[in-house]
Amino acid sequence: MNNELIKVDIFDNKIGTVSKQEAHEKGILHRAFSVFLYSNGKLLIQQRAFSKYHSGGKWANTCCSHPRTENLIENAKERLFEEVGIVCDDLKEIYVFNYFSKYAEDLFEYEIDHVLVGEYNGNFTLNKEEVNDMKWVDFDVLSKDMIENPHKYATWFLICAPRVLEYLKEKRC
């Protein structure tokens, strides 16, 4: 897999590339995406592999990664299949946010994250290098648990999941 990430300015304009390691060690702003799959009032969330270099064992959205090309939707579909064996042609970008988070003295996330949603109700197959577990969670149960147990969730998930849930509830998904 290509180890180069898309380096961006604060307006999400590509200004070059940066290695994944350098981006995360130096806190360099880069492009990312977060995929949320839903069905019948539930979100499919993943527990990140415990071996991940940060946020291992934390619960997050269905798939999160970095696009390798300018074709964000196709890159998200590829990673969705690689991480959890899902093919979903129904992905739609609903908004973009940026965040900065420090995980250790020399480990950061500084991302412009494109949030994608898609309806899906099939099976999944975990790539154990990426994902420890997955489950469907009712919107209201998840909302309550994020309030009561925020330590169980990845930083970016706590930032973007409320807006995703609000969007899906408004659309009666």
Protein backbone atom coordinates (compact mmCIF):
# COMPACT_ATOMS: atom_id res chain seq x y z
CA MET A 1 0.00 0.00 0.00
CA ASN A 2 1.18 3.49 -0.85
CA ASN A 3 2.49 5.19 2.30
CA GLU A 4 2.10 8.73 0.95
CA LEU A 5 -0.75 10.88 2.27
CA ILE A 6 -2.23 13.97 0.67
CA LYS A 7 -0.84 17.02 2.44
CA VAL A 8 -3.35 19.91 2.44
CA ASP A 9 -3.74 23.50 3.55
CA ILE A 10 -6.51 24.56 5.94
CA PHE A 11 -8.88 24.91 2.98
CA ASP A 12 -8.28 21.28 1.91
CA ASN A 13 -6.24 22.25 -1.16
CA LYS A 14 -3.56 19.71 -2.00
CA ILE A 15 -0.10 21.16 -1.43
CA GLY A 16 1.94 18.00 -1.77
CA THR A 17 2.38 14.59 -0.22
CA VAL A 18 3.83 13.43 3.06
CA SER A 19 4.67 10.00 4.43
CA LYS A 20 2.14 8.61 6.88
CA GLN A 21 4.84 8.36 9.54
CA GLU A 22 6.01 11.96 9.12
CA ALA A 23 2.44 13.30 9.06
CA HIS A 24 1.66 11.64 12.37
CA GLU A 25 5.00 12.30 14.06
CA LYS A 26 5.09 16.00 13.15
CA GLY A 27 1.37 16.80 13.15
CA ILE A 28 1.22 17.73 9.47
CA LEU A 29 -2.24 18.52 8.10
CA HIS A 30 -3.45 15.84 5.69
CA ARG A 31 -6.66 14.52 4.13
CA ALA A 32 -8.68 11.68 5.68
CA PHE A 33 -12.12 10.15 5.44
CA SER A 34 -14.58 8.56 7.85
CA VAL A 35 -17.22 6.16 6.52
CA PHE A 36 -20.44 5.60 8.48
CA LEU A 37 -22.70 2.77 7.31
CA TYR A 38 -26.26 2.64 8.61
CA SER A 39 -29.39 0.52 8.36
CA ASN A 40 -32.78 0.73 10.08
CA GLY A 41 -31.80 3.18 12.83
CA LYS A 42 -28.42 1.56 13.55
CA LEU A 43 -24.79 2.39 12.80
CA LEU A 44 -22.17 -0.21 12.02
CA ILE A 45 -19.16 0.66 14.19
CA GLN A 46 -15.75 -0.94 14.47
CA GLN A 47 -13.40 -1.56 17.33
CA ARG A 48 -9.94 -0.73 16.06
CA ALA A 49 -7.30 -3.43 16.26
CA PHE A 50 -5.43 -3.30 19.55
CA SER A 51 -2.15 -3.26 17.58
CA LYS A 52 -2.90 0.13 15.98
CA TYR A 53 -0.25 2.76 16.73
CA HIS A 54 -2.90 4.99 18.30
CA SER A 55 -6.47 4.52 19.48
CA GLY A 56 -6.08 0.75 19.49
CA GLY A 57 -9.15 -0.95 20.95
CA LYS A 58 -11.25 2.23 20.66
CA TRP A 59 -14.62 2.16 18.91
CA ALA A 60 -14.92 4.23 15.75
CA ASN A 61 -16.96 4.52 12.58
CA THR A 62 -17.28 1.68 10.07
CA CYS A 63 -14.04 2.60 8.30
CA CYS A 64 -11.55 5.43 8.51
CA SER A 65 -8.43 6.00 6.47
CA HIS A 66 -6.57 8.35 4.15
CA PRO A 67 -7.30 8.79 0.44
CA ARG A 68 -4.29 8.10 -1.77
CA THR A 69 -5.68 9.93 -4.81
CA GLU A 70 -8.08 12.80 -5.47
CA ASN A 71 -10.93 10.30 -6.00
CA LEU A 72 -12.14 10.28 -2.41
CA ILE A 73 -15.25 8.12 -2.87
CA GLU A 74 -13.40 5.40 -4.79
CA ASN A 75 -10.59 5.40 -2.22
CA ALA A 76 -13.15 5.07 0.58
CA LYS A 77 -14.82 2.14 -1.20
CA GLU A 78 -11.44 0.41 -1.61
CA ARG A 79 -10.53 0.82 2.06
CA LEU A 80 -14.00 -0.27 3.16
CA PHE A 81 -13.48 -3.53 1.29
CA GLU A 82 -9.88 -3.96 2.54
CA GLU A 83 -10.76 -3.34 6.21
CA VAL A 84 -14.14 -5.01 6.57
CA GLY A 85 -14.94 -6.82 3.31
CA ILE A 86 -17.88 -4.55 2.47
CA VAL A 87 -18.91 -3.38 -0.96
CA CYS A 88 -21.14 -0.32 -0.71
CA ASP A 89 -21.86 1.74 -3.82
CA ASP A 90 -24.12 4.11 -1.90
CA LEU A 91 -21.49 6.39 -0.30
CA LYS A 92 -22.27 10.10 -0.06
CA GLU A 93 -20.19 12.89 1.47
CA ILE A 94 -22.23 14.88 4.00
CA TYR A 95 -19.66 17.26 5.47
CA VAL A 96 -16.00 17.95 6.22
CA PHE A 97 -14.30 18.88 9.49
CA ASN A 98 -10.77 19.32 10.72
CA TYR A 99 -9.23 18.35 14.03
CA PHE A 100 -5.93 18.15 15.83
CA SER A 101 -5.25 15.58 18.52
CA LYS A 102 -2.09 14.70 20.43
CA TYR A 103 -1.74 11.04 21.40
CA ALA A 104 1.85 10.96 22.68
CA GLU A 105 4.89 13.23 22.79
CA ASP A 106 5.58 12.52 19.11
CA LEU A 107 2.26 11.23 17.80
CA PHE A 108 -0.46 13.47 16.39
CA GLU A 109 -3.51 13.48 14.15
CA TYR A 110 -4.06 16.68 12.22
CA GLU A 111 -6.63 15.95 9.58
CA ILE A 112 -9.25 17.39 7.31
CA ASP A 113 -11.75 14.55 7.51
CA HIS A 114 -14.38 13.96 4.83
CA VAL A 115 -17.43 12.28 6.37
CA LEU A 116 -19.24 9.77 4.18
CA VAL A 117 -22.44 7.86 4.83
CA GLY A 118 -24.02 4.91 3.09
CA GLU A 119 -26.89 2.53 3.61
CA TYR A 120 -25.83 -1.11 3.98
CA ASN A 121 -27.40 -4.19 5.50
CA GLY A 122 -25.11 -7.05 4.46
CA ASN A 123 -22.34 -9.05 6.04
CA PHE A 124 -18.79 -8.00 6.85
CA THR A 125 -15.44 -9.77 7.14
CA LEU A 126 -12.85 -8.30 9.49
CA ASN A 127 -9.26 -7.70 8.47
CA LYS A 128 -7.78 -8.44 11.90
CA GLU A 129 -4.76 -6.21 11.24
CA GLU A 130 -7.17 -3.28 11.08
CA VAL A 131 -10.28 -4.22 13.06
CA ASN A 132 -10.80 -6.21 16.25
CA ASP A 133 -14.61 -6.29 16.25
CA MET A 134 -17.70 -4.74 14.64
CA LYS A 135 -21.29 -4.33 15.72
CA TRP A 136 -24.57 -2.66 14.81
CA VAL A 137 -25.65 -0.12 17.42
CA ASP A 138 -28.99 1.67 17.73
CA PHE A 139 -28.64 5.44 17.24
CA ASP A 140 -30.07 6.27 20.68
CA VAL A 141 -28.05 3.60 22.50
CA LEU A 142 -24.86 4.89 20.85
CA SER A 143 -25.69 8.52 21.68
CA LYS A 144 -26.17 7.66 25.34
CA ASP A 145 -23.02 5.54 25.53
CA MET A 146 -20.90 8.29 23.96
CA ILE A 147 -22.00 10.58 26.80
CA GLU A 148 -21.49 8.03 29.56
CA ASN A 149 -18.31 6.35 28.23
CA PRO A 150 -16.41 8.74 25.96
CA HIS A 151 -13.12 6.99 26.78
CA LYS A 152 -14.29 3.98 24.71
CA TYR A 153 -14.36 5.98 21.47
CA ALA A 154 -11.76 7.40 19.08
CA THR A 155 -11.26 11.16 19.16
CA TRP A 156 -12.54 11.83 15.64
CA PHE A 157 -15.59 9.63 16.23
CA LEU A 158 -16.65 11.72 19.23
CA ILE A 159 -16.32 14.82 17.05
CA CYS A 160 -18.20 13.68 13.95
CA ALA A 161 -20.65 10.97 15.12
CA PRO A 162 -23.13 13.42 16.72
CA ARG A 163 -23.50 15.33 13.46
CA VAL A 164 -23.82 12.08 11.49
CA LEU A 165 -26.50 10.83 13.87
CA GLU A 166 -28.36 14.12 13.61
CA TYR A 167 -28.20 13.95 9.80
CA LEU A 168 -29.46 10.34 9.71
CA LYS A 169 -32.26 11.02 12.19
CA GLU A 170 -33.43 14.02 10.14
CA LYS A 171 -33.49 11.81 7.05
CA ARG A 172 -35.30 9.09 9.09
CA CYS A 173 -32.71 6.44 8.27
